[in-house]
Protein backbone atom coordinates (compact mmCIF):
# COMPACT_ATOMS: atom_id res chain seq x y z
CA MET A 1 0.32 -0.14 -0.32
CA ARG A 2 0.97 3.30 -1.01
CA PHE A 3 -0.16 6.90 0.57
CA ARG A 4 0.93 10.38 0.02
CA ARG A 5 -0.70 13.21 1.52
CA THR A 6 -0.38 16.99 0.01
CA GLY A 7 -1.25 19.91 0.16
CA GLY A 8 -2.96 22.23 3.02
CA PHE A 9 -1.38 24.44 5.30
CA GLY A 10 0.53 21.98 7.45
CA GLY A 11 2.81 20.99 4.78
CA ASN A 12 3.25 18.20 2.54
CA LEU A 13 4.16 14.48 4.24
CA PRO A 14 6.51 11.91 2.80
CA PRO A 15 4.97 9.07 0.43
CA LEU A 16 3.85 6.33 2.93
CA THR A 17 4.52 2.93 1.25
CA LEU A 18 3.25 0.00 3.95
CA ASP A 19 3.89 -3.86 3.73
CA ALA A 20 1.83 -6.24 6.09
CA ALA A 21 5.06 -7.86 6.53
CA ASP A 22 6.49 -4.45 8.64
CA LEU A 23 3.36 -4.04 10.45
CA SER A 24 2.05 -5.67 14.09
CA ARG A 25 -0.66 -7.82 13.85
CA SER A 26 -3.25 -5.70 14.88
CA GLU A 27 -1.80 -2.78 12.55
CA VAL A 28 -2.80 -4.97 9.67
CA THR A 29 -5.87 -5.71 11.06
CA ASP A 30 -6.81 -2.27 11.52
CA LEU A 31 -5.55 -1.40 8.63
CA GLU A 32 -7.91 -4.33 6.59
CA ARG A 33 -11.01 -3.64 8.55
CA LEU A 34 -10.06 0.10 7.51
CA LEU A 35 -10.03 -1.10 3.55
CA ALA A 36 -13.19 -2.98 3.81
CA HIS A 37 -15.47 -0.10 5.04
CA ALA A 38 -14.22 2.09 3.11
CA ASP A 39 -15.86 0.65 -0.41
CA LEU A 40 -12.84 1.88 -2.49
CA SER A 41 -14.49 0.63 -5.38
CA ALA A 42 -17.35 3.33 -4.81
CA VAL A 43 -14.78 6.15 -4.24
CA ARG A 44 -14.87 9.24 -6.90
CA GLU A 45 -11.80 10.77 -7.62
CA ALA A 46 -11.41 14.50 -6.96
CA PRO A 47 -9.04 16.62 -9.87
CA PRO A 48 -6.58 17.87 -7.86
CA VAL A 49 -5.84 20.57 -5.54
CA ARG A 50 -6.74 24.07 -6.89
CA ARG A 51 -4.08 26.95 -6.58
CA ASP A 52 -7.15 29.49 -4.80
CA SER A 53 -7.27 26.13 -2.50
CA PRO A 54 -4.11 25.82 -0.49
CA ASP A 55 -4.52 24.96 2.85
CA ALA A 56 -6.73 21.95 1.61
CA PHE A 57 -5.21 17.99 1.44
CA GLN A 58 -4.99 16.39 -1.63
CA TYR A 59 -4.74 12.06 -0.39
CA ASP A 60 -3.16 9.61 -2.72
CA LEU A 61 -3.95 5.99 -2.12
CA ASP A 62 -2.66 3.08 -4.00
CA VAL A 63 -3.45 -0.56 -2.65
CA GLU A 64 -4.05 -4.52 -3.95
CA ILE A 65 -7.17 -6.34 -2.65
CA ALA A 66 -7.84 -9.62 -3.45
CA GLY A 67 -5.28 -8.92 -6.13
CA ARG A 68 -7.16 -5.89 -7.68
CA PRO A 69 -5.32 -2.87 -7.94
CA HIS A 70 -7.24 0.51 -6.67
CA ARG A 71 -5.57 3.61 -7.47
CA LEU A 72 -7.35 7.09 -6.09
CA SER A 73 -7.12 10.73 -4.97
CA VAL A 74 -9.50 12.72 -3.10
CA THR A 75 -9.25 16.22 -1.49
CA ASP A 76 -9.95 17.13 1.97
CA ARG A 77 -13.35 18.65 0.46
CA THR A 78 -14.44 15.21 -1.85
CA VAL A 79 -13.63 12.61 0.59
CA PRO A 80 -16.59 10.21 1.64
CA PRO A 81 -16.98 9.84 5.28
CA SER A 82 -16.61 5.57 4.90
CA LEU A 83 -13.04 6.54 4.22
CA ARG A 84 -11.96 9.54 6.39
CA PRO A 85 -10.95 6.40 9.07
CA LEU A 86 -8.56 5.14 6.72
CA LEU A 87 -6.86 8.43 5.78
CA THR A 88 -6.64 9.29 9.08
CA GLN A 89 -4.50 6.55 10.20
CA LEU A 90 -2.39 6.26 7.13
CA THR A 91 -1.61 10.13 8.59
CA ARG A 92 -0.83 9.25 11.91
CA LEU A 93 1.52 6.80 10.50
CA ALA A 94 3.46 8.92 7.88
CA GLN A 95 3.70 11.23 10.65
CA GLU A 96 4.95 8.97 13.21
CA ARG A 97 7.42 7.42 10.71
CA ARG A 98 8.11 11.21 9.38
CA ALA A 99 8.95 11.93 13.31
CA SER A 100 11.17 8.72 13.90
CA GLY A 101 12.71 9.44 10.53
CA ARG A 102 12.03 6.45 8.87
């Protein structure tokens, strides 16, 4: 799984690549639950963040589920409620990695 958050007042986060082998069992279980709840196949992509909305975040996600690749980009304004918990968790993981220098 690859995740990236760009834009916003707080700045970009470095890209985050997650491999299940590098995560604890509880982290894998949490991410699987959040992915199932997100229903990625129903998410409509958003256009890139406009220059007149510099404080908006854009989230890019690339994940394979049951052998099927899913790629999407959404902004703060277009994130469906079902996807928000997954993006929150991935943002937290990316921030932790940035803070630890990994």
